[in-house]
Protein backbone atom coordinates (compact mmCIF):
# COMPACT_ATOMS: atom_id res chain seq x y z
CA MET A 1 -21.17 8.26 12.16
CA LYS A 2 -20.57 6.41 8.90
CA ILE A 3 -17.03 5.51 7.90
CA VAL A 4 -16.12 3.66 4.70
CA VAL A 5 -12.71 2.05 4.27
CA ALA A 6 -11.37 1.59 0.75
CA SER A 7 -10.56 -2.06 1.38
CA ALA A 8 -12.14 -5.39 2.23
CA ASN A 9 -9.01 -6.37 4.21
CA PRO A 10 -10.05 -7.12 7.82
CA ALA A 11 -6.73 -5.77 9.20
CA LYS A 12 -7.28 -2.38 7.56
CA ILE A 13 -10.96 -2.16 8.53
CA SER A 14 -10.14 -3.09 12.12
CA ALA A 15 -7.34 -0.51 12.28
CA VAL A 16 -9.66 2.23 11.05
CA LYS A 17 -12.46 1.29 13.43
CA ASP A 18 -10.12 1.01 16.44
CA ALA A 19 -8.37 4.31 15.68
CA LEU A 20 -11.56 6.28 15.05
CA THR A 21 -13.19 4.78 18.14
CA GLN A 22 -10.39 6.47 20.08
CA VAL A 23 -10.80 9.75 18.19
CA PHE A 24 -14.60 9.82 18.53
CA ASN A 25 -14.78 8.45 22.05
CA GLY A 26 -18.35 7.52 22.89
CA LYS A 27 -19.84 8.01 19.43
CA THR A 28 -21.46 5.14 17.56
CA LEU A 29 -19.42 4.29 14.48
CA LEU A 30 -20.66 2.31 11.51
CA CYS A 31 -17.44 1.22 9.86
CA SER A 32 -17.51 -0.85 6.69
CA GLY A 33 -15.04 -1.78 4.00
CA GLN A 34 -15.35 -1.93 0.27
CA SER A 35 -12.84 -3.43 -2.12
CA THR A 36 -11.42 -0.81 -4.48
CA ALA A 37 -8.75 -0.79 -7.16
CA SER A 38 -5.55 1.10 -6.45
CA GLY A 39 -4.64 1.67 -10.09
CA VAL A 40 -1.01 0.95 -9.23
CA PRO A 41 0.91 -2.35 -9.13
CA ALA A 42 -0.07 -4.79 -6.37
CA GLN A 43 3.28 -4.01 -4.72
CA PRO A 44 3.97 -0.28 -5.07
CA MET A 45 7.73 0.29 -5.23
CA SER A 46 7.98 3.99 -4.28
CA SER A 47 6.39 6.50 -1.96
CA GLU A 48 4.88 8.35 -4.93
CA GLU A 49 3.34 5.18 -6.39
CA THR A 50 2.02 4.19 -2.95
CA LEU A 51 0.42 7.61 -2.37
CA GLN A 52 -1.16 7.49 -5.82
CA GLY A 53 -2.67 4.09 -4.98
CA ALA A 54 -4.16 5.46 -1.75
CA LEU A 55 -5.60 8.51 -3.51
CA ASN A 56 -7.07 6.33 -6.28
CA ARG A 57 -8.69 4.05 -3.69
CA LEU A 58 -10.09 7.06 -1.83
CA ARG A 59 -11.69 8.50 -4.96
CA ALA A 60 -13.11 5.09 -5.93
CA VAL A 61 -14.68 4.38 -2.55
CA ALA A 62 -16.16 7.88 -2.28
CA ALA A 63 -17.79 7.44 -5.69
CA ALA A 64 -19.03 3.92 -4.89
CA ALA A 65 -20.40 4.66 -1.41
CA PRO A 66 -21.70 8.24 -1.26
CA GLY A 67 -22.92 9.72 2.00
CA ALA A 68 -20.21 8.63 4.44
CA ASP A 69 -18.88 11.03 7.04
CA TYR A 70 -15.32 9.83 6.52
CA TYR A 71 -13.57 7.84 3.80
CA VAL A 72 -10.27 6.16 4.59
CA ALA A 73 -7.74 4.62 2.22
CA ILE A 74 -4.57 2.81 3.26
CA GLU A 75 -1.98 1.76 0.71
CA ALA A 76 1.17 -0.10 1.73
CA GLY A 77 4.29 0.04 -0.37
CA LEU A 78 8.05 0.35 -0.44
CA ASP A 79 10.32 3.33 -0.09
CA GLY A 80 13.84 2.13 -0.72
CA ASP A 81 14.57 -0.74 1.69
CA TYR A 82 11.55 0.05 3.88
CA SER A 83 7.88 -0.82 3.89
CA PHE A 84 5.30 1.71 5.06
CA ALA A 85 1.77 2.84 4.24
CA TRP A 86 0.10 6.05 3.16
CA VAL A 87 -3.15 6.82 4.99
CA VAL A 88 -5.51 9.23 3.24
CA ILE A 89 -8.74 10.43 4.84
CA ALA A 90 -11.52 12.52 3.29
CA HIS A 91 -14.15 14.42 5.28
CA GLN A 92 -16.51 17.11 3.97
CA GLY A 93 -14.45 17.63 0.83
CA ARG A 94 -11.14 17.97 2.66
CA ILE A 95 -8.30 15.45 2.45
CA SER A 96 -5.61 14.70 5.00
CA LYS A 97 -2.77 12.27 4.52
CA THR A 98 0.16 10.87 6.46
CA ARG A 99 2.64 8.02 6.38
CA SER A 100 2.89 5.16 8.82
CA ALA A 101 6.07 4.14 10.57
CA SER A 102 8.55 2.41 8.27
CA LEU A 103 9.99 -1.03 8.79
CA PRO A 104 13.23 -2.34 7.35
CA ILE A 105 12.79 -5.21 4.90
CA PRO A 106 15.27 -8.11 5.06
CA PRO A 107 17.52 -8.29 1.97
CA ALA A 108 16.12 -11.65 0.80
CA ALA A 109 12.56 -10.30 1.00
CA LEU A 110 13.56 -7.08 -0.76
CA MET A 111 15.07 -9.09 -3.61
CA ALA A 112 11.81 -11.06 -4.01
CA LEU A 113 9.82 -7.80 -4.03
CA GLN A 114 12.08 -6.36 -6.72
CA GLN A 115 11.30 -9.48 -8.79
CA GLY A 116 7.57 -8.69 -8.65
CA LYS A 117 6.31 -10.54 -5.57
CA GLU A 118 4.03 -8.96 -2.94
CA LEU A 119 5.29 -8.45 0.62
CA GLY A 120 2.51 -10.53 2.20
CA ASP A 121 3.31 -13.49 -0.05
CA VAL A 122 7.04 -13.16 0.68
CA MET A 123 6.36 -13.11 4.44
CA ASP A 124 4.12 -16.18 4.10
CA LEU A 125 7.06 -18.06 2.56
CA MET A 126 9.73 -16.71 4.92
CA PHE A 127 7.73 -17.49 8.07
CA GLU A 128 5.81 -20.54 6.77
CA GLN A 129 2.48 -18.79 7.35
CA HIS A 130 -0.71 -18.31 5.35
CA ASN A 131 -2.31 -14.94 4.54
CA VAL A 132 -0.09 -12.83 6.79
CA LYS A 133 -1.29 -9.61 5.11
CA GLN A 134 -4.82 -10.03 6.46
CA GLN A 135 -3.55 -10.78 9.93
CA GLY A 136 -0.61 -9.13 11.70
CA GLY A 137 1.27 -8.42 8.48
CA ALA A 138 4.99 -8.29 7.88
CA ILE A 139 5.20 -6.01 10.91
CA ALA A 140 4.02 -8.78 13.25
CA MET A 141 6.32 -11.35 11.68
CA LEU A 142 9.39 -9.13 11.80
CA THR A 143 8.77 -7.86 15.37
CA ASN A 144 7.83 -11.25 16.83
CA HIS A 145 4.29 -9.89 17.26
CA LEU A 146 5.35 -6.90 19.38
CA LEU A 147 3.55 -4.78 16.79
CA THR A 148 0.94 -5.60 14.18
CA ARG A 149 -0.03 -4.09 10.89
CA SER A 150 -3.22 -2.86 12.55
CA SER A 151 -1.43 -1.23 15.50
CA VAL A 152 0.96 0.68 13.24
CA TYR A 153 -1.89 1.74 10.93
CA GLN A 154 -3.90 2.97 13.93
CA GLN A 155 -1.20 5.51 14.80
CA ALA A 156 -1.05 6.80 11.23
CA ILE A 157 -4.86 7.04 11.05
CA ILE A 158 -5.00 9.09 14.24
CA LEU A 159 -2.22 11.35 12.92
CA ALA A 160 -4.08 11.81 9.63
CA MET A 161 -7.13 12.89 11.66
CA ILE A 162 -5.32 15.89 13.19
CA PRO A 163 -6.73 18.45 10.70
CA PHE A 164 -10.24 17.17 11.52
CA ILE A 165 -9.62 17.03 15.28
CA GLN A 166 -8.14 20.57 15.27
CA PRO A 167 -9.84 22.19 12.26
CA GLN A 168 -9.26 25.74 13.55
CA LEU A 169 -5.54 25.22 13.09
CA PHE A 170 -5.89 24.03 9.49
CA ASN A 171 -8.43 26.44 7.98
CA THR A 172 -6.73 28.31 5.18
C-alpha cells in the first residue's frame, strides 16, 4: 500500500507510518514524504488558516505524486492560546479530517508567535535546543518528553482514518 505524506518532516512521516501500521496491521506500507507548500503563513494563527494549509498541502501532494492509496497532510497552527494540528487524509476521492489534541502555549512563547516567529524556533530558544520541530516538537519540550509531536499526531491520524476503517457508517 502506497502512502504519500505532504511533508519532508521526519516527525510527520514517522507519525503517519506508525499510525497506519497500526490501522493496516500486517500489510506492507510504502510511506514516503514530499515537501509541499501550505499556501498559508509559516505559523498559521487560527484553526481556519491551519485547516486551509492542510487542505492546500493535500491537493499539492496528490497532484505531484499520483497513484497513492492514501495522501496525508498535517498542518500545525494556533487556535487562541493553544497549538494543535489538522490532519487531512484522502483515499479514493474521499477526504477525512480531524484535529489533534491541543496544548497550551506559555505566554512568552505566545507573544513571540504573535510577533511572527514559528513555534519550533521559539521552543528552540526557550529550551536551548536545535530543530525541535523535526524531533519531539513543542509537545515533547512542554511535557518533559511524556508525549511527542509524533505520538499526538498518531492519535489524530488514526481518528481521521475512521471513515475509511468503517466506510459502511460513512456512505452517504
